[in-house]
Structures are given as structure tokens and as C-alpha cells.
């Protein structure tokens, strides 16, 4: 439903996307035709982009892609289609350079699936996602906070947002992503820690050179 395209106006209002997060050489996992590379002129510090989709291989394992290959990893609505999102995220972090960023969008289970799973709006969804409910109605729910907690030794969470600004509350159940304004999603931005940050247990100036 052109979810990357929907994000562009919103992201244009946050300078971090153009000056910090989507810079250098990147890869767009599960890009299809709606790749972030279509909007390269709006992210002038993006030097190149590789699109990765089904013909390129398994998006969960990213086989053939070397460790620390890309300055940023972008993925819009791919993680929910994969057999094991935790394994996938581990490999997505693996191919990102230290100091680089991962920008990921996934559907929010309450706004997208709306209480029914398997999904009636996309029968290829293998998981649903929430940002932190204690219990979920979905038998295949992943708490994003729990998922990210498995990787905090490798990444820092720069942003996690429920994209509900244009979600229309109280209407009869339907897939609101068919609307040009409806995102019904969660957006996550992660920064891969550098080895020296891990050793110092934080990101701050080197006390030896300060």
C-alpha cells in the first residue's frame, strides 16, 4: 500500500532522517517498487541504495551480504512476513556498519489486524506487533520492547513511535492502509553501537582524549 511513500511527508519534518539516519550507502529490505531510493533527492546525504527483494534471497538471513556493509538499513513492512523476526533483526544489525542506523516500519496489531489473526487484510502476515501491552489478543504477537531488549548490547533505540496520527478511531473495521493517509504502523530507528561505545558501556567522549 505504498507505505514508504506515505512516510515521506512525515519524515521530511524530522531533520534526523535526512542528516543522520538515511545517509551514506544503504539497503532497502523488502523494497518492492516502493523503495526509499525513489526519494533520494529528499535525502541528499544518501549516496547509494541497494534494493533487496525476493529475487535477491531470504530477507531473514541476508545470505551473501557481508557484515558491516551498509551505513543504513531501511525496511518497510517486511519483518511481519518473515518466519523469525528475531533472527531477521540479528542479521539486519549484522550487515549495518557500527555507527549506522536501521529504520524499520511494521504494522501495529490494533490498528492493522484489529483483533483478528490470521490477518484478514494480508494472509502472508506471520506475526503481529505491539509496543508494550502486557497481554495481546493475538496468538502471534511480538512485543517490540521485548524484541529490542534482545539487542541492546548491540544497538541503541533512537526512536520508537506508534504512527497513529491519521488513524480514524471508532469506525467499522476495515484496512485503513488503503487510505492515502493511513499508516497504522510502528516506526523504529536503531543505531548500531561502535566497539568503543560497547567497551565504555555508553556513548560519550573518550576520557583519554577529552
N, C-alpha and C. Protein backbone atom coordinates (compact mmCIF):
# COMPACT_ATOMS: atom_id res chain seq x y z
N UNK A 1 0.83 -1.21 0.00
CA UNK A 1 0.00 0.00 0.00
C UNK A 1 0.86 1.26 0.00
N UNK A 2 2.07 1.17 -0.59
CA UNK A 2 2.94 2.35 -0.71
C UNK A 2 3.27 2.96 0.65
N UNK A 3 3.63 2.12 1.59
CA UNK A 3 3.86 2.61 2.95
C UNK A 3 5.10 3.49 3.04
N UNK A 4 6.13 3.20 2.26
CA UNK A 4 7.30 4.09 2.26
C UNK A 4 6.91 5.45 1.73
N UNK A 5 6.16 5.47 0.65
CA UNK A 5 5.74 6.76 0.08
C UNK A 5 4.93 7.58 1.08
N UNK A 6 4.06 6.89 1.83
CA UNK A 6 3.26 7.61 2.83
C UNK A 6 4.13 8.27 3.90
N UNK A 7 5.28 7.66 4.16
CA UNK A 7 6.13 8.16 5.26
C UNK A 7 6.90 9.42 4.89
N UNK A 8 7.00 9.74 3.61
CA UNK A 8 7.94 10.77 3.18
C UNK A 8 7.61 12.16 3.73
N UNK A 9 6.34 12.57 3.65
CA UNK A 9 5.99 13.90 4.15
C UNK A 9 6.24 13.99 5.66
N UNK A 10 5.90 12.94 6.37
CA UNK A 10 6.12 12.93 7.82
C UNK A 10 7.61 12.98 8.13
N UNK A 11 8.40 12.18 7.43
CA UNK A 11 9.84 12.15 7.68
C UNK A 11 10.51 13.45 7.26
N UNK A 12 9.94 14.13 6.29
CA UNK A 12 10.53 15.41 5.86
C UNK A 12 10.50 16.45 6.97
N UNK A 13 9.59 16.27 7.92
CA UNK A 13 9.50 17.19 9.04
C UNK A 13 10.45 16.87 10.18
N UNK A 14 11.23 15.80 10.05
CA UNK A 14 12.18 15.41 11.08
C UNK A 14 13.56 15.38 10.43
N UNK A 15 14.38 16.38 10.72
CA UNK A 15 15.67 16.54 10.04
C UNK A 15 16.60 15.36 10.26
N UNK A 16 16.37 14.56 11.28
CA UNK A 16 17.27 13.45 11.55
C UNK A 16 17.29 12.42 10.43
N UNK A 17 16.16 12.25 9.74
CA UNK A 17 16.14 11.29 8.64
C UNK A 17 17.12 11.69 7.54
N UNK A 18 17.15 12.99 7.18
CA UNK A 18 17.99 13.46 6.08
C UNK A 18 19.43 13.73 6.49
N UNK A 19 19.66 14.02 7.76
CA UNK A 19 21.01 14.44 8.17
C UNK A 19 21.74 13.42 9.03
N UNK A 20 21.03 12.38 9.48
CA UNK A 20 21.65 11.46 10.44
C UNK A 20 21.34 9.99 10.13
N UNK A 21 20.12 9.69 9.76
CA UNK A 21 19.68 8.30 9.70
C UNK A 21 19.76 7.68 8.31
N UNK A 22 19.35 8.40 7.28
CA UNK A 22 19.36 7.88 5.91
C UNK A 22 20.50 8.54 5.14
N UNK A 23 21.71 8.25 5.57
CA UNK A 23 22.89 8.87 4.95
C UNK A 23 23.88 7.77 4.55
N UNK A 24 24.66 8.07 3.52
CA UNK A 24 25.65 7.12 3.06
C UNK A 24 25.05 6.05 2.16
N UNK A 25 25.67 4.87 2.17
CA UNK A 25 25.23 3.74 1.33
C UNK A 25 24.27 2.87 2.13
N UNK A 26 23.09 2.63 1.56
CA UNK A 26 22.06 1.89 2.28
C UNK A 26 21.52 0.71 1.52
N UNK A 27 20.71 -0.07 2.22
CA UNK A 27 19.99 -1.19 1.63
C UNK A 27 18.54 -1.10 2.08
N UNK A 28 17.62 -1.37 1.18
CA UNK A 28 16.19 -1.33 1.49
C UNK A 28 15.66 -2.76 1.37
N UNK A 29 15.36 -3.38 2.51
CA UNK A 29 14.98 -4.79 2.55
C UNK A 29 13.47 -4.93 2.39
N UNK A 30 13.06 -5.74 1.40
CA UNK A 30 11.64 -5.88 1.10
C UNK A 30 11.10 -4.66 0.38
N UNK A 31 11.92 -4.04 -0.44
CA UNK A 31 11.58 -2.73 -1.01
C UNK A 31 10.45 -2.78 -2.02
N UNK A 32 10.42 -3.82 -2.85
CA UNK A 32 9.43 -3.82 -3.93
C UNK A 32 9.62 -2.62 -4.83
N UNK A 33 8.53 -2.08 -5.34
CA UNK A 33 8.59 -0.89 -6.19
C UNK A 33 8.60 0.39 -5.38
N UNK A 34 8.22 0.29 -4.11
CA UNK A 34 8.09 1.49 -3.28
C UNK A 34 9.34 1.65 -2.41
N UNK A 35 10.48 1.83 -3.06
CA UNK A 35 11.74 1.91 -2.34
C UNK A 35 12.04 3.33 -1.87
N UNK A 36 12.77 3.42 -0.77
CA UNK A 36 13.18 4.75 -0.28
C UNK A 36 14.09 5.43 -1.29
N UNK A 37 14.72 4.63 -2.17
CA UNK A 37 15.57 5.21 -3.19
C UNK A 37 14.82 6.09 -4.18
N UNK A 38 13.52 5.90 -4.32
CA UNK A 38 12.72 6.77 -5.19
C UNK A 38 12.73 8.21 -4.72
N UNK A 39 13.08 8.42 -3.47
CA UNK A 39 13.03 9.76 -2.87
C UNK A 39 14.42 10.25 -2.48
N UNK A 40 15.44 9.73 -3.22
CA UNK A 40 16.82 10.07 -2.90
C UNK A 40 17.11 11.56 -2.90
N UNK A 41 16.43 12.33 -3.76
CA UNK A 41 16.71 13.76 -3.81
C UNK A 41 16.26 14.48 -2.54
N UNK A 42 15.39 13.84 -1.76
CA UNK A 42 14.96 14.44 -0.49
C UNK A 42 15.90 14.05 0.65
N UNK A 43 16.79 13.11 0.38
CA UNK A 43 17.78 12.68 1.36
C UNK A 43 19.16 12.81 0.72
N UNK A 44 19.64 14.05 0.57
CA UNK A 44 20.83 14.31 -0.26
C UNK A 44 22.12 13.69 0.26
N UNK A 45 22.15 13.25 1.51
CA UNK A 45 23.36 12.60 2.03
C UNK A 45 23.34 11.09 1.79
N UNK A 46 22.27 10.58 1.18
CA UNK A 46 22.21 9.19 0.75
C UNK A 46 23.03 9.06 -0.53
N UNK A 47 24.10 8.28 -0.50
CA UNK A 47 24.99 8.19 -1.66
C UNK A 47 24.62 7.05 -2.60
N UNK A 48 24.04 5.99 -2.07
CA UNK A 48 23.62 4.87 -2.90
C UNK A 48 22.61 4.04 -2.14
N UNK A 49 21.85 3.25 -2.88
CA UNK A 49 20.86 2.37 -2.24
C UNK A 49 20.76 1.07 -3.02
N UNK A 50 20.81 -0.03 -2.30
CA UNK A 50 20.57 -1.34 -2.88
C UNK A 50 19.19 -1.81 -2.46
N UNK A 51 18.37 -2.17 -3.41
CA UNK A 51 17.06 -2.74 -3.11
C UNK A 51 17.20 -4.25 -2.98
N UNK A 52 16.59 -4.80 -1.92
CA UNK A 52 16.65 -6.25 -1.68
C UNK A 52 15.22 -6.77 -1.60
N UNK A 53 14.90 -7.71 -2.51
CA UNK A 53 13.57 -8.29 -2.50
C UNK A 53 13.67 -9.79 -2.81
N UNK A 54 12.55 -10.43 -3.00
CA UNK A 54 12.52 -11.89 -3.13
C UNK A 54 13.57 -12.47 -4.08
N UNK A 55 13.78 -11.89 -5.26
CA UNK A 55 14.78 -12.48 -6.16
C UNK A 55 16.21 -12.45 -5.60
N UNK A 56 16.45 -11.59 -4.62
CA UNK A 56 17.80 -11.44 -4.07
C UNK A 56 18.11 -12.46 -2.99
N UNK A 57 17.08 -13.06 -2.41
CA UNK A 57 17.31 -14.06 -1.37
C UNK A 57 16.42 -13.84 -0.16
N UNK A 58 16.66 -14.66 0.85
CA UNK A 58 15.86 -14.65 2.07
C UNK A 58 16.17 -13.40 2.89
N UNK A 59 15.16 -12.56 3.10
CA UNK A 59 15.35 -11.33 3.87
C UNK A 59 15.63 -11.60 5.33
N UNK A 60 15.35 -12.80 5.79
CA UNK A 60 15.61 -13.13 7.19
C UNK A 60 17.10 -13.37 7.42
N UNK A 61 17.76 -14.03 6.49
CA UNK A 61 19.16 -14.43 6.69
C UNK A 61 20.16 -13.51 6.00
N UNK A 62 19.72 -12.82 4.94
CA UNK A 62 20.58 -11.89 4.19
C UNK A 62 21.89 -12.57 3.80
N UNK A 63 21.77 -13.81 3.31
CA UNK A 63 22.96 -14.57 2.92
C UNK A 63 23.67 -13.89 1.76
N UNK A 64 24.99 -13.88 1.82
CA UNK A 64 25.79 -13.26 0.79
C UNK A 64 26.08 -11.80 1.04
N UNK A 65 25.47 -11.22 2.06
CA UNK A 65 25.74 -9.83 2.42
C UNK A 65 26.72 -9.83 3.58
N UNK A 66 27.84 -9.19 3.40
CA UNK A 66 28.90 -9.22 4.40
C UNK A 66 28.53 -8.39 5.63
N UNK A 67 29.15 -8.74 6.74
CA UNK A 67 28.97 -7.96 7.96
C UNK A 67 29.41 -6.52 7.71
N UNK A 68 28.75 -5.60 8.41
CA UNK A 68 29.17 -4.18 8.41
C UNK A 68 29.27 -3.60 6.99
N UNK A 69 28.27 -3.89 6.14
CA UNK A 69 28.31 -3.49 4.74
C UNK A 69 27.69 -2.12 4.47
N UNK A 70 26.68 -1.73 5.24
CA UNK A 70 25.88 -0.57 4.87
C UNK A 70 25.83 0.47 5.99
N UNK A 71 25.78 1.73 5.56
CA UNK A 71 25.65 2.83 6.53
C UNK A 71 24.25 2.87 7.13
N UNK A 72 23.26 2.42 6.37
CA UNK A 72 21.91 2.33 6.93
C UNK A 72 21.16 1.16 6.31
N UNK A 73 20.23 0.64 7.09
CA UNK A 73 19.33 -0.43 6.65
C UNK A 73 17.91 0.10 6.79
N UNK A 74 17.17 0.06 5.71
CA UNK A 74 15.78 0.52 5.72
C UNK A 74 14.88 -0.67 5.39
N UNK A 75 13.75 -0.78 6.08
CA UNK A 75 12.78 -1.83 5.75
C UNK A 75 11.38 -1.36 6.12
N UNK A 76 10.50 -1.43 5.16
CA UNK A 76 9.11 -1.03 5.38
C UNK A 76 8.21 -2.24 5.21
N UNK A 77 7.62 -2.68 6.32
CA UNK A 77 6.61 -3.74 6.30
C UNK A 77 7.11 -5.03 5.65
N UNK A 78 8.25 -5.49 6.14
CA UNK A 78 8.81 -6.76 5.72
C UNK A 78 8.90 -7.75 6.88
N UNK A 79 9.22 -7.24 8.06
CA UNK A 79 9.51 -8.11 9.22
C UNK A 79 8.35 -9.03 9.56
N UNK A 80 7.12 -8.55 9.37
CA UNK A 80 5.94 -9.35 9.72
C UNK A 80 5.73 -10.55 8.78
N UNK A 81 6.43 -10.56 7.66
CA UNK A 81 6.30 -11.65 6.69
C UNK A 81 7.32 -12.76 6.92
N UNK A 82 8.26 -12.56 7.82
CA UNK A 82 9.38 -13.48 7.97
C UNK A 82 9.11 -14.51 9.07
N UNK A 83 9.72 -15.68 8.92
CA UNK A 83 9.48 -16.80 9.84
C UNK A 83 9.91 -16.46 11.26
N UNK A 84 11.05 -15.80 11.41
CA UNK A 84 11.57 -15.48 12.74
C UNK A 84 12.10 -14.05 12.76
N UNK A 85 11.31 -13.09 13.21
CA UNK A 85 11.74 -11.70 13.22
C UNK A 85 12.99 -11.44 14.06
N UNK A 86 13.19 -12.23 15.12
CA UNK A 86 14.37 -12.02 15.95
C UNK A 86 15.64 -12.40 15.18
N UNK A 87 15.59 -13.50 14.47
CA UNK A 87 16.73 -13.90 13.64
C UNK A 87 16.95 -12.86 12.54
N UNK A 88 15.87 -12.39 11.93
CA UNK A 88 15.98 -11.38 10.88
C UNK A 88 16.64 -10.12 11.41
N UNK A 89 16.19 -9.64 12.55
CA UNK A 89 16.75 -8.40 13.09
C UNK A 89 18.23 -8.57 13.41
N UNK A 90 18.61 -9.74 13.90
CA UNK A 90 20.02 -10.01 14.17
C UNK A 90 20.86 -9.86 12.91
N UNK A 91 20.36 -10.36 11.79
CA UNK A 91 21.11 -10.26 10.54
C UNK A 91 21.06 -8.84 9.97
N UNK A 92 19.96 -8.15 10.16
CA UNK A 92 19.90 -6.77 9.69
C UNK A 92 20.90 -5.91 10.46
N UNK A 93 21.03 -6.16 11.73
CA UNK A 93 22.04 -5.45 12.53
C UNK A 93 23.44 -5.87 12.07
N UNK A 94 23.61 -7.13 11.79
CA UNK A 94 24.92 -7.64 11.36
C UNK A 94 25.44 -6.91 10.13
N UNK A 95 24.57 -6.62 9.16
CA UNK A 95 25.04 -6.02 7.90
C UNK A 95 25.15 -4.50 7.98
N UNK A 96 24.73 -3.91 9.08
CA UNK A 96 24.83 -2.46 9.27
C UNK A 96 26.19 -2.13 9.88
N UNK A 97 26.80 -1.06 9.40
CA UNK A 97 28.10 -0.65 9.94
C UNK A 97 27.95 -0.10 11.36
N UNK A 98 28.94 -0.28 12.20
CA UNK A 98 28.93 0.40 13.51
C UNK A 98 28.78 1.91 13.32
N UNK A 99 27.91 2.49 14.09
CA UNK A 99 27.59 3.90 13.95
C UNK A 99 26.48 4.17 12.96
N UNK A 100 26.07 3.14 12.20
CA UNK A 100 25.00 3.29 11.24
C UNK A 100 23.63 3.08 11.87
N UNK A 101 22.59 3.22 11.06
CA UNK A 101 21.22 3.19 11.58
C UNK A 101 20.35 2.19 10.83
N UNK A 102 19.35 1.69 11.54
CA UNK A 102 18.31 0.84 10.97
C UNK A 102 16.98 1.57 11.14
N UNK A 103 16.25 1.74 10.05
CA UNK A 103 14.95 2.40 10.05
C UNK A 103 13.92 1.37 9.59
N UNK A 104 13.02 1.00 10.50
CA UNK A 104 12.12 -0.13 10.26
C UNK A 104 10.69 0.26 10.55
N UNK A 105 9.78 -0.10 9.66
CA UNK A 105 8.34 0.07 9.91
C UNK A 105 7.67 -1.31 9.89
N UNK A 106 6.75 -1.50 10.82
CA UNK A 106 5.96 -2.73 10.93
C UNK A 106 4.53 -2.35 11.28
N UNK A 107 3.54 -3.18 10.94
CA UNK A 107 2.16 -2.83 11.28
C UNK A 107 1.88 -2.96 12.78
N UNK A 108 1.10 -2.06 13.29
CA UNK A 108 0.63 -2.14 14.68
C UNK A 108 -0.61 -3.04 14.71
N UNK A 109 -0.61 -4.04 15.60
CA UNK A 109 -1.66 -5.06 15.55
C UNK A 109 -3.07 -4.51 15.80
N UNK A 110 -3.20 -3.51 16.64
CA UNK A 110 -4.53 -2.99 16.93
C UNK A 110 -5.07 -2.11 15.81
N UNK A 111 -4.17 -1.39 15.14
CA UNK A 111 -4.62 -0.54 14.04
C UNK A 111 -4.73 -1.30 12.72
N UNK A 112 -3.89 -2.33 12.54
CA UNK A 112 -3.94 -3.05 11.27
C UNK A 112 -4.81 -4.30 11.35
N UNK A 113 -4.39 -5.31 12.10
CA UNK A 113 -5.20 -6.54 12.17
C UNK A 113 -6.52 -6.33 12.90
N UNK A 114 -6.55 -5.41 13.86
CA UNK A 114 -7.78 -5.01 14.53
C UNK A 114 -8.52 -6.18 15.17
N UNK A 115 -7.76 -6.97 15.93
CA UNK A 115 -8.39 -8.00 16.74
C UNK A 115 -8.58 -9.36 16.11
N UNK A 116 -8.13 -9.54 14.88
CA UNK A 116 -8.32 -10.82 14.20
C UNK A 116 -6.98 -11.31 13.63
N UNK A 117 -6.62 -12.55 13.96
CA UNK A 117 -5.45 -13.19 13.38
C UNK A 117 -5.72 -14.68 13.23
N UNK A 118 -5.35 -15.30 12.11
CA UNK A 118 -4.61 -14.76 10.97
C UNK A 118 -5.27 -13.53 10.36
N UNK A 119 -4.43 -12.68 9.82
CA UNK A 119 -4.88 -11.41 9.29
C UNK A 119 -5.86 -11.59 8.14
N UNK A 120 -6.93 -10.84 8.17
CA UNK A 120 -7.88 -10.86 7.05
C UNK A 120 -7.51 -9.82 5.98
N UNK A 121 -6.54 -8.97 6.29
CA UNK A 121 -6.13 -7.94 5.34
C UNK A 121 -4.87 -8.33 4.56
N UNK A 122 -4.06 -9.24 5.15
CA UNK A 122 -2.87 -9.73 4.45
C UNK A 122 -2.57 -11.13 4.98
N UNK A 123 -2.88 -12.14 4.19
CA UNK A 123 -2.77 -13.51 4.69
C UNK A 123 -1.34 -14.03 4.72
N UNK A 124 -0.37 -13.19 4.33
CA UNK A 124 1.03 -13.59 4.43
C UNK A 124 1.68 -13.08 5.73
N UNK A 125 0.93 -12.35 6.54
CA UNK A 125 1.48 -11.90 7.82
C UNK A 125 1.62 -13.09 8.76
N UNK A 126 2.83 -13.26 9.27
CA UNK A 126 3.11 -14.37 10.18
C UNK A 126 3.11 -13.94 11.64
N UNK A 127 3.17 -12.64 11.89
CA UNK A 127 3.24 -12.09 13.24
C UNK A 127 2.46 -10.78 13.31
N UNK A 128 2.07 -10.42 14.53
CA UNK A 128 1.55 -9.08 14.78
C UNK A 128 2.47 -8.40 15.79
N UNK A 129 2.40 -7.08 15.86
CA UNK A 129 3.33 -6.32 16.69
C UNK A 129 2.60 -5.29 17.55
N UNK A 130 3.11 -5.14 18.76
CA UNK A 130 2.61 -4.12 19.68
C UNK A 130 3.82 -3.49 20.37
N UNK A 131 3.65 -2.27 20.87
CA UNK A 131 4.79 -1.60 21.50
C UNK A 131 4.94 -1.94 22.97
N UNK A 132 3.96 -2.59 23.59
CA UNK A 132 4.20 -2.89 25.00
C UNK A 132 3.01 -3.32 25.83
N UNK A 133 2.02 -3.95 25.21
CA UNK A 133 0.90 -4.46 26.00
C UNK A 133 1.34 -5.66 26.84
N UNK A 134 0.82 -5.77 28.05
CA UNK A 134 1.13 -6.93 28.89
C UNK A 134 0.55 -8.20 28.29
N UNK A 135 -0.64 -8.11 27.73
CA UNK A 135 -1.26 -9.25 27.07
C UNK A 135 -1.82 -8.81 25.73
N UNK A 136 -1.83 -9.72 24.77
CA UNK A 136 -2.36 -9.43 23.45
C UNK A 136 -3.45 -10.43 23.10
N UNK A 137 -4.39 -10.00 22.29
CA UNK A 137 -5.42 -10.89 21.77
C UNK A 137 -4.83 -11.82 20.69
N UNK A 138 -3.68 -11.42 20.11
CA UNK A 138 -3.11 -12.17 19.00
C UNK A 138 -2.27 -13.34 19.50
N UNK A 139 -2.46 -14.53 18.94
CA UNK A 139 -1.63 -15.68 19.34
C UNK A 139 -0.21 -15.60 18.79
N UNK A 140 0.05 -14.63 17.91
CA UNK A 140 1.38 -14.50 17.29
C UNK A 140 1.91 -13.08 17.49
N UNK A 141 1.65 -12.53 18.66
CA UNK A 141 2.03 -11.15 18.93
C UNK A 141 3.48 -11.06 19.39
N UNK A 142 4.18 -10.03 18.91
CA UNK A 142 5.53 -9.72 19.37
C UNK A 142 5.51 -8.34 20.00
N UNK A 143 5.96 -8.27 21.24
CA UNK A 143 6.11 -7.01 21.93
C UNK A 143 7.44 -6.40 21.46
N UNK A 144 7.36 -5.25 20.80
CA UNK A 144 8.55 -4.64 20.22
C UNK A 144 9.59 -4.33 21.30
N UNK A 145 9.13 -3.93 22.47
CA UNK A 145 10.08 -3.63 23.55
C UNK A 145 10.85 -4.88 23.94
N UNK A 146 10.16 -6.01 24.01
CA UNK A 146 10.84 -7.27 24.33
C UNK A 146 11.81 -7.67 23.22
N UNK A 147 11.38 -7.48 21.98
CA UNK A 147 12.25 -7.84 20.85
C UNK A 147 13.53 -7.01 20.87
N UNK A 148 13.39 -5.71 21.04
CA UNK A 148 14.57 -4.85 21.02
C UNK A 148 15.48 -5.09 22.21
N UNK A 149 14.91 -5.52 23.32
CA UNK A 149 15.72 -5.76 24.52
C UNK A 149 16.75 -6.87 24.29
N UNK A 150 16.52 -7.72 23.27
CA UNK A 150 17.48 -8.78 22.96
C UNK A 150 18.73 -8.24 22.28
N UNK A 151 18.68 -6.97 21.86
CA UNK A 151 19.78 -6.43 21.06
C UNK A 151 20.38 -5.14 21.63
N UNK A 152 20.03 -4.79 22.84
CA UNK A 152 20.51 -3.52 23.38
C UNK A 152 22.00 -3.53 23.67
N UNK A 153 22.64 -4.69 23.66
CA UNK A 153 24.10 -4.74 23.75
C UNK A 153 24.74 -4.35 22.43
N UNK A 154 23.96 -4.34 21.34
CA UNK A 154 24.48 -4.01 20.02
C UNK A 154 23.95 -2.69 19.47
N UNK A 155 22.73 -2.33 19.84
CA UNK A 155 22.11 -1.12 19.28
C UNK A 155 21.50 -0.27 20.38
N UNK A 156 21.37 1.01 20.08
CA UNK A 156 20.60 1.90 20.95
C UNK A 156 19.34 2.32 20.21
N UNK A 157 18.25 2.43 20.92
CA UNK A 157 16.97 2.81 20.32
C UNK A 157 16.92 4.33 20.23
N UNK A 158 16.88 4.83 19.01
CA UNK A 158 16.82 6.28 18.79
C UNK A 158 15.39 6.79 18.71
N UNK A 159 14.48 5.91 18.25
CA UNK A 159 13.10 6.34 18.07
C UNK A 159 12.21 5.11 18.02
N UNK A 160 11.09 5.17 18.70
CA UNK A 160 10.04 4.16 18.55
C UNK A 160 8.71 4.91 18.65
N UNK A 161 7.93 4.87 17.59
CA UNK A 161 6.71 5.67 17.53
C UNK A 161 5.56 4.87 16.95
N UNK A 162 4.40 4.96 17.59
CA UNK A 162 3.17 4.42 17.03
C UNK A 162 2.62 5.46 16.07
N UNK A 163 2.50 5.11 14.81
CA UNK A 163 2.11 6.06 13.76
C UNK A 163 0.59 6.10 13.63
N UNK A 164 -0.03 6.76 14.58
CA UNK A 164 -1.50 6.78 14.64
C UNK A 164 -2.09 8.15 14.34
N UNK A 165 -1.27 9.08 13.85
CA UNK A 165 -1.75 10.46 13.66
C UNK A 165 -2.96 10.53 12.74
N UNK A 166 -3.01 9.67 11.73
CA UNK A 166 -4.12 9.70 10.77
C UNK A 166 -5.03 8.49 10.88
N UNK A 167 -4.90 7.73 11.99
CA UNK A 167 -5.80 6.59 12.17
C UNK A 167 -7.16 7.11 12.62
N UNK A 168 -8.21 6.63 11.96
CA UNK A 168 -9.57 7.10 12.23
C UNK A 168 -10.22 6.17 13.26
N UNK A 169 -10.35 6.65 14.48
CA UNK A 169 -10.89 5.85 15.57
C UNK A 169 -12.40 5.69 15.46
N UNK A 170 -12.89 4.55 15.92
CA UNK A 170 -14.32 4.37 16.09
C UNK A 170 -15.09 3.99 14.84
N UNK A 171 -14.40 3.75 13.74
CA UNK A 171 -15.10 3.37 12.52
C UNK A 171 -15.30 1.86 12.46
N UNK A 172 -16.17 1.42 11.56
CA UNK A 172 -16.32 -0.01 11.32
C UNK A 172 -14.98 -0.56 10.89
N UNK A 173 -14.70 -1.83 11.23
CA UNK A 173 -13.41 -2.44 10.94
C UNK A 173 -13.14 -2.49 9.43
N UNK A 174 -12.02 -1.89 9.02
CA UNK A 174 -11.55 -2.02 7.65
C UNK A 174 -10.06 -1.69 7.62
N UNK A 175 -9.41 -2.05 6.55
CA UNK A 175 -7.98 -1.83 6.41
C UNK A 175 -7.73 -0.36 6.08
N UNK A 176 -7.29 0.39 7.07
CA UNK A 176 -7.11 1.82 6.86
C UNK A 176 -5.86 2.17 6.06
N UNK A 177 -5.00 1.17 5.80
CA UNK A 177 -3.83 1.47 4.97
C UNK A 177 -4.22 1.63 3.50
N UNK A 178 -5.46 1.32 3.13
CA UNK A 178 -5.90 1.59 1.76
C UNK A 178 -6.09 3.08 1.54
N UNK A 179 -6.18 3.84 2.63
CA UNK A 179 -6.29 5.29 2.53
C UNK A 179 -4.91 5.88 2.29
N UNK A 180 -4.85 6.99 1.59
CA UNK A 180 -3.55 7.60 1.28
C UNK A 180 -2.88 8.16 2.53
N UNK A 181 -3.66 8.33 3.61
CA UNK A 181 -3.11 8.89 4.84
C UNK A 181 -2.83 7.85 5.90
N UNK A 182 -3.37 6.63 5.75
CA UNK A 182 -3.35 5.65 6.83
C UNK A 182 -2.06 4.85 6.88
N UNK A 183 -1.30 4.97 7.99
CA UNK A 183 -0.07 4.19 8.15
C UNK A 183 -0.30 2.97 9.06
N UNK A 184 -1.02 3.14 10.16
CA UNK A 184 -1.36 2.02 11.05
C UNK A 184 -0.14 1.20 11.43
N UNK A 185 0.93 1.88 11.80
CA UNK A 185 2.21 1.20 11.93
C UNK A 185 3.00 1.66 13.15
N UNK A 186 4.13 0.98 13.33
CA UNK A 186 5.12 1.33 14.34
C UNK A 186 6.42 1.60 13.58
N UNK A 187 7.08 2.69 13.93
CA UNK A 187 8.37 3.01 13.31
C UNK A 187 9.47 2.96 14.37
N UNK A 188 10.55 2.28 14.01
CA UNK A 188 11.68 2.10 14.92
C UNK A 188 12.94 2.59 14.23
N UNK A 189 13.77 3.33 14.96
CA UNK A 189 15.10 3.70 14.47
C UNK A 189 16.12 3.22 15.49
N UNK A 190 17.08 2.43 15.03
CA UNK A 190 18.13 1.89 15.89
C UNK A 190 19.48 2.40 15.39
N UNK A 191 20.39 2.59 16.32
CA UNK A 191 21.78 2.95 15.96
C UNK A 191 22.69 1.83 16.43
N UNK A 192 23.50 1.30 15.51
CA UNK A 192 24.43 0.24 15.87
C UNK A 192 25.61 0.82 16.65
N UNK A 193 25.84 0.29 17.82
CA UNK A 193 26.90 0.80 18.68
C UNK A 193 28.28 0.48 18.10
N UNK A 194 29.21 1.40 18.28
CA UNK A 194 30.60 1.17 17.89
C UNK A 194 31.28 0.33 18.97
N UNK A 195 32.33 -0.42 18.62
CA UNK A 195 33.01 -1.25 19.61
C UNK A 195 33.48 -0.48 20.84
N UNK A 196 33.98 0.74 20.63
CA UNK A 196 34.47 1.52 21.78
C UNK A 196 33.33 1.95 22.70
N UNK A 197 32.14 2.16 22.14
CA UNK A 197 30.98 2.50 22.97
C UNK A 197 30.57 1.31 23.82
N UNK A 198 30.62 0.14 23.22
CA UNK A 198 30.29 -1.07 23.96
C UNK A 198 31.29 -1.28 25.10
N UNK A 199 32.57 -1.06 24.80
CA UNK A 199 33.60 -1.25 25.82
C UNK A 199 33.42 -0.26 26.96
N UNK A 200 33.03 0.99 26.63
CA UNK A 200 32.87 2.04 27.66
C UNK A 200 31.49 2.01 28.30
N UNK A 201 30.62 1.12 27.77
CA UNK A 201 29.24 0.99 28.28
C UNK A 201 28.45 2.29 28.12
N UNK A 202 28.72 3.01 27.04
CA UNK A 202 27.96 4.22 26.77
C UNK A 202 28.59 5.02 25.65
N UNK A 203 27.82 5.95 25.11
CA UNK A 203 28.29 6.80 24.03
C UNK A 203 28.62 8.17 24.61
N UNK A 204 29.90 8.40 24.81
CA UNK A 204 30.37 9.68 25.34
C UNK A 204 31.82 9.85 24.91
N UNK A 205 32.39 11.06 24.99
CA UNK A 205 33.76 11.27 24.53
C UNK A 205 34.76 10.37 25.25
N UNK A 206 35.78 9.95 24.51
CA UNK A 206 36.83 9.12 25.10
C UNK A 206 37.54 9.91 26.19
N UNK A 207 37.51 9.47 27.44
CA UNK A 207 38.14 10.23 28.51
C UNK A 207 39.65 10.36 28.32
N UNK A 208 40.23 9.50 27.49
CA UNK A 208 41.67 9.57 27.26
C UNK A 208 42.05 10.73 26.34
N UNK A 209 41.08 11.18 25.54
CA UNK A 209 41.36 12.26 24.58
C UNK A 209 40.62 13.54 24.91
N UNK A 210 39.76 13.49 25.93
CA UNK A 210 38.96 14.68 26.26
C UNK A 210 39.84 15.77 26.87
